[in-house]
Amino acid sequence: MKNLFKRYDILLVILLFLLSLLAEYYEIFSLLEDQTVFFRHLVRSEMIDRKEMSFYRTNFSLISRLKRVRMRSGSFRNASFSNA
């Protein structure tokens, strides 16, 4: 047992393990992740060209399952939809 306490690397690993247990219990890792998400997106948006990130409005469409179900049931019979 004396030989175990002479090795500082094992004591350091045990200490880091106990600290990580406490950090996980108090959700410190989640807090750090939430705080750094902003900076990650900031760096990502600065590294890429704005023209590559943009897209035209006509290139996508939103589809709602609820709308499809209501159209089948007849709830939207008199409604008109536009492609705005």
C-alpha atoms as a PDB file:
ATOM      1  CA  MET A   1       0.000   0.000   0.000  1.00  0.00           C
ATOM      2  CA  LYS A   2       2.936   2.334   0.659  1.00  0.00           C
ATOM      3  CA  ASN A   3       4.117   1.846  -2.898  1.00  0.00           C
ATOM      4  CA  LEU A   4       0.721   2.969  -4.224  1.00  0.00           C
ATOM      5  CA  PHE A   5       0.915   6.338  -2.473  1.00  0.00           C
ATOM      6  CA  LYS A   6       4.467   6.978  -3.681  1.00  0.00           C
ATOM      7  CA  ARG A   7       3.283   7.062  -7.272  1.00  0.00           C
ATOM      8  CA  TYR A   8       2.007  10.535  -7.952  1.00  0.00           C
ATOM      9  CA  ASP A   9       0.457   9.679 -11.301  1.00  0.00           C
ATOM     10  CA  ILE A  10      -2.012   7.226  -9.732  1.00  0.00           C
ATOM     11  CA  LEU A  11      -2.953   9.762  -7.070  1.00  0.00           C
ATOM     12  CA  LEU A  12      -3.476  12.360  -9.768  1.00  0.00           C
ATOM     13  CA  VAL A  13      -5.738  10.030 -11.767  1.00  0.00           C
ATOM     14  CA  ILE A  14      -7.793   9.222  -8.659  1.00  0.00           C
ATOM     15  CA  LEU A  15      -8.092  12.917  -7.824  1.00  0.00           C
ATOM     16  CA  LEU A  16      -9.168  13.802 -11.374  1.00  0.00           C
ATOM     17  CA  PHE A  17     -11.702  10.979 -11.339  1.00  0.00           C
ATOM     18  CA  LEU A  18     -13.240  12.219  -8.083  1.00  0.00           C
ATOM     19  CA  LEU A  19     -13.310  15.787  -9.381  1.00  0.00           C
ATOM     20  CA  SER A  20     -15.016  14.662 -12.577  1.00  0.00           C
ATOM     21  CA  LEU A  21     -17.648  12.820 -10.530  1.00  0.00           C
ATOM     22  CA  LEU A  22     -18.394  16.005  -8.618  1.00  0.00           C
ATOM     23  CA  ALA A  23     -18.411  18.064 -11.803  1.00  0.00           C
ATOM     24  CA  GLU A  24     -20.855  15.666 -13.421  1.00  0.00           C
ATOM     25  CA  TYR A  25     -23.090  15.683 -10.343  1.00  0.00           C
ATOM     26  CA  TYR A  26     -23.273  19.484 -10.267  1.00  0.00           C
ATOM     27  CA  GLU A  27     -23.573  19.623 -14.093  1.00  0.00           C
ATOM     28  CA  ILE A  28     -20.474  21.757 -14.533  1.00  0.00           C
ATOM     29  CA  PHE A  29     -19.668  20.050 -17.841  1.00  0.00           C
ATOM     30  CA  SER A  30     -23.104  20.993 -19.187  1.00  0.00           C
ATOM     31  CA  LEU A  31     -22.660  24.554 -17.982  1.00  0.00           C
ATOM     32  CA  LEU A  32     -19.298  24.849 -19.732  1.00  0.00           C
ATOM     33  CA  GLU A  33     -20.773  23.419 -22.924  1.00  0.00           C
ATOM     34  CA  ASP A  34     -23.647  25.907 -22.852  1.00  0.00           C
ATOM     35  CA  GLN A  35     -21.242  28.784 -22.342  1.00  0.00           C
ATOM     36  CA  THR A  36     -18.948  27.765 -25.187  1.00  0.00           C
ATOM     37  CA  VAL A  37     -21.652  27.093 -27.817  1.00  0.00           C
ATOM     38  CA  PHE A  38     -21.830  30.805 -28.595  1.00  0.00           C
ATOM     39  CA  PHE A  39     -18.102  31.029 -29.267  1.00  0.00           C
ATOM     40  CA  ARG A  40     -18.137  27.886 -31.393  1.00  0.00           C
ATOM     41  CA  HIS A  41     -20.870  29.303 -33.625  1.00  0.00           C
ATOM     42  CA  LEU A  42     -19.125  32.663 -33.769  1.00  0.00           C
ATOM     43  CA  VAL A  43     -15.898  31.076 -34.982  1.00  0.00           C
ATOM     44  CA  ARG A  44     -17.777  28.901 -37.459  1.00  0.00           C
ATOM     45  CA  SER A  45     -19.634  31.866 -38.936  1.00  0.00           C
ATOM     46  CA  GLU A  46     -16.437  33.906 -39.234  1.00  0.00           C
ATOM     47  CA  MET A  47     -14.501  31.129 -40.982  1.00  0.00           C
ATOM     48  CA  ILE A  48     -16.961  30.631 -43.864  1.00  0.00           C
ATOM     49  CA  ASP A  49     -17.964  33.014 -46.623  1.00  0.00           C
ATOM     50  CA  ARG A  50     -21.384  34.658 -46.167  1.00  0.00           C
ATOM     51  CA  LYS A  51     -22.414  33.756 -49.716  1.00  0.00           C
ATOM     52  CA  GLU A  52     -21.863  30.069 -48.963  1.00  0.00           C
ATOM     53  CA  MET A  53     -24.109  30.293 -45.905  1.00  0.00           C
ATOM     54  CA  SER A  54     -26.980  32.102 -47.607  1.00  0.00           C
ATOM     55  CA  PHE A  55     -29.688  30.456 -49.686  1.00  0.00           C
ATOM     56  CA  TYR A  56     -32.596  31.602 -51.766  1.00  0.00           C
ATOM     57  CA  ARG A  57     -36.066  31.644 -50.315  1.00  0.00           C
ATOM     58  CA  THR A  58     -37.486  29.492 -53.100  1.00  0.00           C
ATOM     59  CA  ASN A  59     -35.072  26.623 -52.448  1.00  0.00           C
ATOM     60  CA  PHE A  60     -36.947  25.174 -49.479  1.00  0.00           C
ATOM     61  CA  SER A  61     -40.458  24.347 -48.386  1.00  0.00           C
ATOM     62  CA  LEU A  62     -41.961  23.596 -45.003  1.00  0.00           C
ATOM     63  CA  ILE A  63     -44.260  20.613 -44.728  1.00  0.00           C
ATOM     64  CA  SER A  64     -46.515  20.096 -41.777  1.00  0.00           C
ATOM     65  CA  ARG A  65     -47.960  16.666 -41.059  1.00  0.00           C
ATOM     66  CA  LEU A  66     -50.829  18.318 -39.229  1.00  0.00           C
ATOM     67  CA  LYS A  67     -51.709  20.314 -42.351  1.00  0.00           C
ATOM     68  CA  ARG A  68     -51.716  17.118 -44.417  1.00  0.00           C
ATOM     69  CA  VAL A  69     -53.977  15.335 -41.912  1.00  0.00           C
ATOM     70  CA  ARG A  70     -56.402  18.252 -41.787  1.00  0.00           C
ATOM     71  CA  MET A  71     -56.530  18.423 -45.570  1.00  0.00           C
ATOM     72  CA  ARG A  72     -57.427  14.720 -45.710  1.00  0.00           C
ATOM     73  CA  SER A  73     -60.124  15.110 -43.095  1.00  0.00           C
ATOM     74  CA  GLY A  74     -61.631  18.111 -44.868  1.00  0.00           C
ATOM     75  CA  SER A  75     -60.871  20.752 -42.259  1.00  0.00           C
ATOM     76  CA  PHE A  76     -59.098  22.928 -44.849  1.00  0.00           C
ATOM     77  CA  ARG A  77     -61.639  22.636 -47.680  1.00  0.00           C
ATOM     78  CA  ASN A  78     -62.341  26.341 -47.981  1.00  0.00           C
ATOM     79  CA  ALA A  79     -58.830  27.516 -47.072  1.00  0.00           C
ATOM     80  CA  SER A  80     -56.462  28.800 -49.700  1.00  0.00           C
ATOM     81  CA  PHE A  81     -52.696  28.357 -49.454  1.00  0.00           C
ATOM     82  CA  SER A  82     -50.123  30.535 -51.122  1.00  0.00           C
ATOM     83  CA  ASN A  83     -46.481  29.859 -51.872  1.00  0.00           C
ATOM     84  CA  ALA A  84     -45.157  32.879 -50.028  1.00  0.00           C
END
